[in-house]
């Protein structure tokens, strides 16, 4: 296998923490997003979607979504499960990952990519040029402010995102809390359960 990634970015960081906790080592190439290497002809041959990470399996299949990489690698390396040990736990974990990605991840990315010169005509990842829509910044902030109290309430009744054990859903939320700093946001002071969870989760990956 070979992994194409860019460690500082949030999606690559999700996978990096998963690999660290599972003790998995994969040959890795850093794709320099600061120089737009992900848009180069050479990288397009590997992943036409021009996104990172991309995992090339031993049979040449290219996986481009972190959730798919979680599932694939968990199957190959079942020790220290991070997806849950039963069918229901796995379903709950993947559901939480989906909620976090479609809600919080997309909201933060919307704020980041629709303001500032760095993302002019790059409002969405991928090979196509997409213009910024400034109104989406306000909507992204609105969704973040709506989501944080809901997460706080959930973590007031559960130690972890998907039940009694630390899973990839906790990895995803941990990375997203870090990603908030990219848009100068953080956990609201009143979200005490979320703050306590963050301390527990950070200790798990330290």
Protein backbone atom coordinates (compact mmCIF):
# COMPACT_ATOMS: atom_id res chain seq x y z
CA UNK A 1 0.00 0.00 0.00
CA UNK A 2 0.97 3.62 -0.46
CA UNK A 3 -0.59 6.68 1.11
CA UNK A 4 -0.67 10.11 -0.50
CA UNK A 5 -1.43 12.74 2.11
CA UNK A 6 -0.70 16.18 3.55
CA UNK A 7 -0.41 15.91 7.30
CA UNK A 8 -1.52 19.44 8.34
CA UNK A 9 -4.91 19.22 6.60
CA UNK A 10 -7.92 17.93 8.57
CA UNK A 11 -8.86 14.89 6.50
CA UNK A 12 -5.28 13.59 6.39
CA UNK A 13 -5.02 14.22 10.14
CA UNK A 14 -8.09 12.03 10.74
CA UNK A 15 -6.36 9.13 9.03
CA UNK A 16 -2.99 9.88 10.63
CA UNK A 17 -4.48 9.58 14.13
CA UNK A 18 -6.24 6.35 13.15
CA UNK A 19 -2.97 4.86 11.88
CA UNK A 20 -1.14 5.99 15.02
CA UNK A 21 -3.66 4.44 17.39
CA UNK A 22 -3.80 1.20 15.39
CA UNK A 23 -0.01 1.00 15.07
CA UNK A 24 -0.18 0.77 11.28
CA UNK A 25 2.76 1.90 9.16
CA UNK A 26 2.23 2.63 5.44
CA UNK A 27 4.63 3.99 2.85
CA UNK A 28 3.70 7.66 2.59
CA UNK A 29 4.18 10.51 0.16
CA UNK A 30 3.42 14.06 1.31
CA UNK A 31 1.47 15.97 -1.34
CA UNK A 32 2.43 19.63 -0.90
CA UNK A 33 -0.88 21.47 -0.94
CA UNK A 34 0.91 24.78 -0.33
CA UNK A 35 2.28 24.54 -3.86
CA UNK A 36 -0.96 22.97 -5.22
CA UNK A 37 0.74 19.64 -5.91
CA UNK A 38 -2.69 18.01 -5.57
CA UNK A 39 -3.64 19.71 -8.84
CA UNK A 40 -0.54 18.54 -10.74
CA UNK A 41 -0.79 16.21 -13.71
CA UNK A 42 1.20 13.53 -11.87
CA UNK A 43 -1.15 13.50 -8.91
CA UNK A 44 -4.26 13.61 -11.10
CA UNK A 45 -3.11 10.28 -12.55
CA UNK A 46 -3.27 8.82 -9.04
CA UNK A 47 -6.41 10.60 -7.85
CA UNK A 48 -8.38 12.51 -10.49
CA UNK A 49 -10.42 14.09 -7.68
CA UNK A 50 -7.28 16.01 -6.65
CA UNK A 51 -7.93 15.45 -2.94
CA UNK A 52 -5.91 14.05 -0.07
CA UNK A 53 -5.55 11.59 1.44
CA UNK A 54 -5.57 8.87 -1.20
CA UNK A 55 -4.72 5.29 -0.30
CA UNK A 56 -3.49 2.96 -3.05
CA UNK A 57 -4.10 -0.64 -2.00
CA UNK A 58 -1.87 -3.56 -2.91
CA UNK A 59 -4.10 -4.45 -5.87
CA UNK A 60 -4.00 -0.87 -7.21
CA UNK A 61 -7.43 0.23 -6.01
CA UNK A 62 -7.46 3.90 -4.95
CA UNK A 63 -9.50 4.87 -1.90
CA UNK A 64 -10.14 8.61 -1.61
CA UNK A 65 -12.56 8.90 1.34
CA UNK A 66 -11.29 8.65 4.91
CA UNK A 67 -14.37 6.77 6.12
CA UNK A 68 -13.70 4.10 3.47
CA UNK A 69 -10.06 3.89 4.54
CA UNK A 70 -11.18 3.41 8.14
CA UNK A 71 -13.38 0.47 7.14
CA UNK A 72 -10.76 -1.11 4.86
CA UNK A 73 -7.88 -0.84 7.31
CA UNK A 74 -10.01 -1.95 10.26
CA UNK A 75 -10.77 -5.13 8.34
CA UNK A 76 -7.07 -5.74 7.66
CA UNK A 77 -5.95 -4.77 11.17
CA UNK A 78 -8.80 -5.66 13.57
CA UNK A 79 -6.72 -5.33 16.73
CA UNK A 80 -7.57 -2.33 18.92
CA UNK A 81 -10.88 -1.77 17.15
CA UNK A 82 -11.79 1.85 16.47
CA UNK A 83 -15.05 1.13 14.63
CA UNK A 84 -16.89 -0.78 17.33
CA UNK A 85 -17.03 -4.46 18.18
CA UNK A 86 -20.64 -5.21 17.19
CA UNK A 87 -22.76 -4.49 14.15
CA UNK A 88 -24.75 -1.88 16.08
CA UNK A 89 -21.63 -0.17 17.44
CA UNK A 90 -20.15 0.01 13.94
CA UNK A 91 -23.39 1.44 12.57
CA UNK A 92 -23.53 4.06 15.33
CA UNK A 93 -19.88 4.99 14.85
CA UNK A 94 -20.16 5.44 11.09
CA UNK A 95 -23.40 7.37 11.53
CA UNK A 96 -21.70 9.78 13.93
CA UNK A 97 -18.81 10.21 11.48
CA UNK A 98 -21.30 11.02 8.73
CA UNK A 99 -23.10 13.58 10.89
CA UNK A 100 -19.82 15.25 11.82
CA UNK A 101 -18.59 15.38 8.23
CA UNK A 102 -21.81 16.59 6.63
CA UNK A 103 -22.47 19.05 9.43
CA UNK A 104 -19.46 20.42 11.25
CA UNK A 105 -16.73 19.65 8.71
CA UNK A 106 -18.64 21.14 5.80
CA UNK A 107 -19.61 24.21 7.84
CA UNK A 108 -16.03 24.97 8.88
CA UNK A 109 -14.77 24.37 5.35
CA UNK A 110 -17.49 26.62 3.97
CA UNK A 111 -16.36 29.49 6.19
CA UNK A 112 -12.70 28.91 5.36
CA UNK A 113 -13.06 28.51 1.61
CA UNK A 114 -15.58 31.26 0.95
CA UNK A 115 -13.56 34.08 2.45
CA UNK A 116 -9.98 35.23 1.98
CA UNK A 117 -7.71 35.43 -1.04
CA UNK A 118 -6.16 31.99 -0.53
CA UNK A 119 -9.29 30.24 -1.85
CA UNK A 120 -10.38 32.55 -4.65
CA UNK A 121 -11.92 30.23 -7.27
CA UNK A 122 -11.15 27.29 -4.94
CA UNK A 123 -14.31 27.34 -2.83
CA UNK A 124 -14.60 23.55 -3.14
CA UNK A 125 -11.83 20.94 -3.22
CA UNK A 126 -11.29 19.07 -6.46
CA UNK A 127 -10.11 19.67 -10.01
CA UNK A 128 -12.68 22.30 -10.93
CA UNK A 129 -12.49 26.04 -10.23
CA UNK A 130 -15.43 27.10 -8.05
CA UNK A 131 -16.12 30.76 -7.17
CA UNK A 132 -16.52 31.89 -3.59
CA UNK A 133 -19.99 32.72 -2.25
CA UNK A 134 -19.50 35.15 0.67
CA UNK A 135 -23.01 34.47 2.03
CA UNK A 136 -21.93 30.90 2.81
CA UNK A 137 -19.55 32.25 5.45
CA UNK A 138 -22.45 33.49 7.56
CA UNK A 139 -24.36 30.26 7.01
CA UNK A 140 -21.34 28.23 8.06
CA UNK A 141 -20.97 30.18 11.31
CA UNK A 142 -24.70 29.76 11.94
CA UNK A 143 -24.45 25.99 11.51
CA UNK A 144 -21.37 25.77 13.75
CA UNK A 145 -23.16 27.72 16.48
CA UNK A 146 -26.14 25.37 16.12
CA UNK A 147 -24.03 22.22 16.20
CA UNK A 148 -21.78 22.88 19.19
CA UNK A 149 -24.57 22.90 21.84
CA UNK A 150 -26.02 19.71 20.35
CA UNK A 151 -22.65 17.99 20.66
CA UNK A 152 -22.34 19.30 24.20
CA UNK A 153 -25.73 17.85 25.13
CA UNK A 154 -24.84 14.50 23.57
CA UNK A 155 -21.54 14.31 25.45
CA UNK A 156 -23.35 15.17 28.66
CA UNK A 157 -24.89 11.68 28.51
CA UNK A 158 -21.98 9.70 27.02
CA UNK A 159 -18.23 9.63 27.60
CA UNK A 160 -17.58 9.12 23.90
CA UNK A 161 -19.31 9.98 20.66
CA UNK A 162 -20.58 6.48 19.82
CA UNK A 163 -21.03 4.67 23.12
CA UNK A 164 -18.67 3.48 25.82
CA UNK A 165 -15.47 3.30 23.78
CA UNK A 166 -13.22 5.73 21.94
CA UNK A 167 -13.82 5.35 18.18
CA UNK A 168 -13.10 7.05 14.88
CA UNK A 169 -16.09 9.30 15.62
CA UNK A 170 -14.05 10.75 18.47
CA UNK A 171 -11.03 11.08 16.19
CA UNK A 172 -13.17 13.00 13.71
CA UNK A 173 -14.58 15.36 16.31
CA UNK A 174 -11.14 15.95 17.83
CA UNK A 175 -9.76 16.95 14.43
CA UNK A 176 -12.76 19.20 13.79
CA UNK A 177 -12.28 21.01 17.09
CA UNK A 178 -8.70 21.67 15.97
CA UNK A 179 -10.00 22.72 12.54
CA UNK A 180 -12.15 25.38 14.19
CA UNK A 181 -8.98 27.32 14.99
CA UNK A 182 -8.42 27.77 11.24
CA UNK A 183 -11.43 30.11 11.23
CA UNK A 184 -10.62 31.60 14.67
CA UNK A 185 -13.38 29.66 16.44
CA UNK A 186 -13.27 27.37 19.47
CA UNK A 187 -15.49 25.43 21.86
CA UNK A 188 -17.93 27.89 23.49
CA UNK A 189 -17.34 28.40 27.21
CA UNK A 190 -20.82 27.18 28.05
CA UNK A 191 -20.20 23.80 26.37
CA UNK A 192 -18.64 22.27 29.48
CA UNK A 193 -19.35 18.65 28.52
CA UNK A 194 -17.69 19.16 25.14
CA UNK A 195 -14.68 20.77 26.80
CA UNK A 196 -14.36 17.84 29.21
CA UNK A 197 -14.66 15.39 26.30
CA UNK A 198 -11.94 17.26 24.43
CA UNK A 199 -9.52 16.81 27.35
CA UNK A 200 -10.27 13.06 27.44
CA UNK A 201 -9.95 12.68 23.67
CA UNK A 202 -6.69 14.63 23.44
CA UNK A 203 -5.22 12.37 26.12
CA UNK A 204 -6.19 9.30 24.06
CA UNK A 205 -4.13 10.39 21.06
CA UNK A 206 -1.21 12.02 22.91
